[in-house]
Amino acid sequence: VNDVVRFASFLPLANQGEINLYNLGSGNAVSVSKISQKLITIWGGGSKLTFSGNSRPGDPFSLVALPNEIPKEFEFQVDLDKGLAEMVAWFKSRAAGN
């Protein structure tokens, strides 16, 4: 989220009626399984994941966000592990406030 906000403030304002779309992916593929395992590790606890290996009709084999339109001067500053840790901390803080 921090990189998305930085990117938004990095861009010039669009002209009226103009819509600019940007794919803010890093171009590095990470599986759902790997993201899930990282989140479980960061969150803590003894949860275990299992996957059937079956895909549903229409499921893509993979999705990788390519940063083709991102200006070359922009650099991502938050890596995946740090971003996931910050997200988990935010969720835990919200849960503690209820």
C-alpha atoms as a PDB file:
ATOM      1  CA  VAL A   1       0.000   0.000   0.000  1.00  0.00           C
ATOM      2  CA  ASN A   2       2.853   2.396   0.791  1.00  0.00           C
ATOM      3  CA  ASP A   3       4.280   2.018  -2.709  1.00  0.00           C
ATOM      4  CA  VAL A   4       0.839   2.560  -4.286  1.00  0.00           C
ATOM      5  CA  VAL A   5       0.371   5.818  -2.344  1.00  0.00           C
ATOM      6  CA  ARG A   6       3.893   6.945  -3.246  1.00  0.00           C
ATOM      7  CA  PHE A   7       3.190   6.128  -6.887  1.00  0.00           C
ATOM      8  CA  ALA A   8      -0.048   8.132  -6.869  1.00  0.00           C
ATOM      9  CA  SER A   9       1.774  11.170  -5.488  1.00  0.00           C
ATOM     10  CA  PHE A  10       4.599  10.616  -8.021  1.00  0.00           C
ATOM     11  CA  LEU A  11       2.321  11.008 -11.051  1.00  0.00           C
ATOM     12  CA  PRO A  12       1.311  14.312 -12.604  1.00  0.00           C
ATOM     13  CA  LEU A  13      -2.398  15.080 -12.587  1.00  0.00           C
ATOM     14  CA  ALA A  14      -4.265  13.672 -15.586  1.00  0.00           C
ATOM     15  CA  ASN A  15      -6.019  16.013 -17.979  1.00  0.00           C
ATOM     16  CA  GLN A  16      -9.766  16.364 -17.496  1.00  0.00           C
ATOM     17  CA  GLY A  17     -11.549  13.373 -19.009  1.00  0.00           C
ATOM     18  CA  GLU A  18      -8.306  11.413 -19.322  1.00  0.00           C
ATOM     19  CA  ILE A  19      -7.973   8.075 -17.570  1.00  0.00           C
ATOM     20  CA  ASN A  20      -4.530   6.606 -17.044  1.00  0.00           C
ATOM     21  CA  LEU A  21      -4.229   3.001 -15.915  1.00  0.00           C
ATOM     22  CA  TYR A  22      -1.051   1.624 -14.384  1.00  0.00           C
ATOM     23  CA  ASN A  23      -0.166  -1.934 -13.525  1.00  0.00           C
ATOM     24  CA  LEU A  24       1.862  -1.623 -10.321  1.00  0.00           C
ATOM     25  CA  GLY A  25       3.151  -5.167 -10.319  1.00  0.00           C
ATOM     26  CA  SER A  26       6.828  -5.815  -9.833  1.00  0.00           C
ATOM     27  CA  GLY A  27       6.931  -8.426 -12.577  1.00  0.00           C
ATOM     28  CA  ASN A  28       7.973 -11.128 -10.092  1.00  0.00           C
ATOM     29  CA  ALA A  29       5.588 -14.082 -10.002  1.00  0.00           C
ATOM     30  CA  VAL A  30       4.620 -15.440  -6.578  1.00  0.00           C
ATOM     31  CA  SER A  31       2.214 -18.344  -6.177  1.00  0.00           C
ATOM     32  CA  VAL A  32      -0.922 -18.206  -4.068  1.00  0.00           C
ATOM     33  CA  SER A  33       0.555 -21.060  -2.044  1.00  0.00           C
ATOM     34  CA  LYS A  34       3.722 -19.090  -1.279  1.00  0.00           C
ATOM     35  CA  ILE A  35       1.790 -15.935  -0.326  1.00  0.00           C
ATOM     36  CA  SER A  36      -0.499 -18.012   1.903  1.00  0.00           C
ATOM     37  CA  GLN A  37       2.443 -19.714   3.626  1.00  0.00           C
ATOM     38  CA  LYS A  38       4.152 -16.369   4.196  1.00  0.00           C
ATOM     39  CA  LEU A  39       0.976 -14.913   5.727  1.00  0.00           C
ATOM     40  CA  ILE A  40       0.561 -17.901   8.058  1.00  0.00           C
ATOM     41  CA  THR A  41       4.190 -17.625   9.170  1.00  0.00           C
ATOM     42  CA  ILE A  42       3.941 -13.884   9.776  1.00  0.00           C
ATOM     43  CA  TRP A  43       0.569 -14.179  11.539  1.00  0.00           C
ATOM     44  CA  GLY A  44       1.831 -16.967  13.790  1.00  0.00           C
ATOM     45  CA  GLY A  45       0.094 -20.102  14.899  1.00  0.00           C
ATOM     46  CA  GLY A  46       0.192 -23.636  13.658  1.00  0.00           C
ATOM     47  CA  SER A  47      -2.137 -23.492  10.667  1.00  0.00           C
ATOM     48  CA  LYS A  48      -1.355 -25.811   7.788  1.00  0.00           C
ATOM     49  CA  LEU A  49      -2.423 -25.396   4.188  1.00  0.00           C
ATOM     50  CA  THR A  50      -3.348 -28.089   1.751  1.00  0.00           C
ATOM     51  CA  PHE A  51      -4.172 -27.680  -1.894  1.00  0.00           C
ATOM     52  CA  SER A  52      -6.076 -30.193  -3.973  1.00  0.00           C
ATOM     53  CA  GLY A  53      -4.113 -29.361  -7.099  1.00  0.00           C
ATOM     54  CA  ASN A  54      -7.362 -29.101  -9.025  1.00  0.00           C
ATOM     55  CA  SER A  55      -8.157 -25.960 -10.928  1.00  0.00           C
ATOM     56  CA  ARG A  56     -11.581 -24.735 -11.893  1.00  0.00           C
ATOM     57  CA  PRO A  57     -12.600 -24.018 -15.473  1.00  0.00           C
ATOM     58  CA  GLY A  58     -11.519 -20.503 -16.351  1.00  0.00           C
ATOM     59  CA  ASP A  59      -8.813 -20.250 -13.684  1.00  0.00           C
ATOM     60  CA  PRO A  60      -5.666 -18.736 -15.200  1.00  0.00           C
ATOM     61  CA  PHE A  61      -2.472 -20.764 -14.955  1.00  0.00           C
ATOM     62  CA  SER A  62      -0.632 -17.739 -13.618  1.00  0.00           C
ATOM     63  CA  LEU A  63      -0.989 -13.989 -13.227  1.00  0.00           C
ATOM     64  CA  VAL A  64       2.033 -11.733 -13.246  1.00  0.00           C
ATOM     65  CA  ALA A  65       1.623  -7.988 -13.126  1.00  0.00           C
ATOM     66  CA  LEU A  66       4.128  -6.378 -15.466  1.00  0.00           C
ATOM     67  CA  PRO A  67       5.141  -2.793 -14.717  1.00  0.00           C
ATOM     68  CA  ASN A  68       5.382  -1.730 -18.383  1.00  0.00           C
ATOM     69  CA  GLU A  69       3.823   1.709 -17.956  1.00  0.00           C
ATOM     70  CA  ILE A  70       5.539   2.694 -14.713  1.00  0.00           C
ATOM     71  CA  PRO A  71       7.965   5.585 -15.252  1.00  0.00           C
ATOM     72  CA  LYS A  72      11.555   4.355 -15.015  1.00  0.00           C
ATOM     73  CA  GLU A  73      12.330   6.887 -12.267  1.00  0.00           C
ATOM     74  CA  PHE A  74       9.859   5.215  -9.882  1.00  0.00           C
ATOM     75  CA  GLU A  75      11.248   2.482  -7.654  1.00  0.00           C
ATOM     76  CA  PHE A  76       9.335   0.168  -5.375  1.00  0.00           C
ATOM     77  CA  GLN A  77      10.544   0.527  -1.771  1.00  0.00           C
ATOM     78  CA  VAL A  78       8.554  -2.124   0.092  1.00  0.00           C
ATOM     79  CA  ASP A  79       9.390  -5.748  -0.641  1.00  0.00           C
ATOM     80  CA  LEU A  80       6.814  -8.523  -0.435  1.00  0.00           C
ATOM     81  CA  ASP A  81       7.757  -9.804   3.037  1.00  0.00           C
ATOM     82  CA  LYS A  82       7.745  -6.333   4.576  1.00  0.00           C
ATOM     83  CA  GLY A  83       4.450  -5.458   2.885  1.00  0.00           C
ATOM     84  CA  LEU A  84       2.800  -8.645   4.131  1.00  0.00           C
ATOM     85  CA  ALA A  85       4.149  -8.067   7.656  1.00  0.00           C
ATOM     86  CA  GLU A  86       2.752  -4.515   7.654  1.00  0.00           C
ATOM     87  CA  MET A  87      -0.625  -5.781   6.434  1.00  0.00           C
ATOM     88  CA  VAL A  88      -0.769  -8.461   9.154  1.00  0.00           C
ATOM     89  CA  ALA A  89       0.182  -5.892  11.809  1.00  0.00           C
ATOM     90  CA  TRP A  90      -2.594  -3.597  10.574  1.00  0.00           C
ATOM     91  CA  PHE A  91      -5.194  -6.415  10.685  1.00  0.00           C
ATOM     92  CA  LYS A  92      -4.083  -7.423  14.180  1.00  0.00           C
ATOM     93  CA  SER A  93      -4.292  -3.824  15.400  1.00  0.00           C
ATOM     94  CA  ARG A  94      -7.819  -3.537  13.991  1.00  0.00           C
ATOM     95  CA  ALA A  95      -8.867  -6.803  15.658  1.00  0.00           C
ATOM     96  CA  ALA A  96      -7.421  -5.647  18.988  1.00  0.00           C
ATOM     97  CA  GLY A  97      -9.454  -2.427  18.814  1.00  0.00           C
ATOM     98  CA  ASN A  98     -12.800  -4.225  18.585  1.00  0.00           C
END
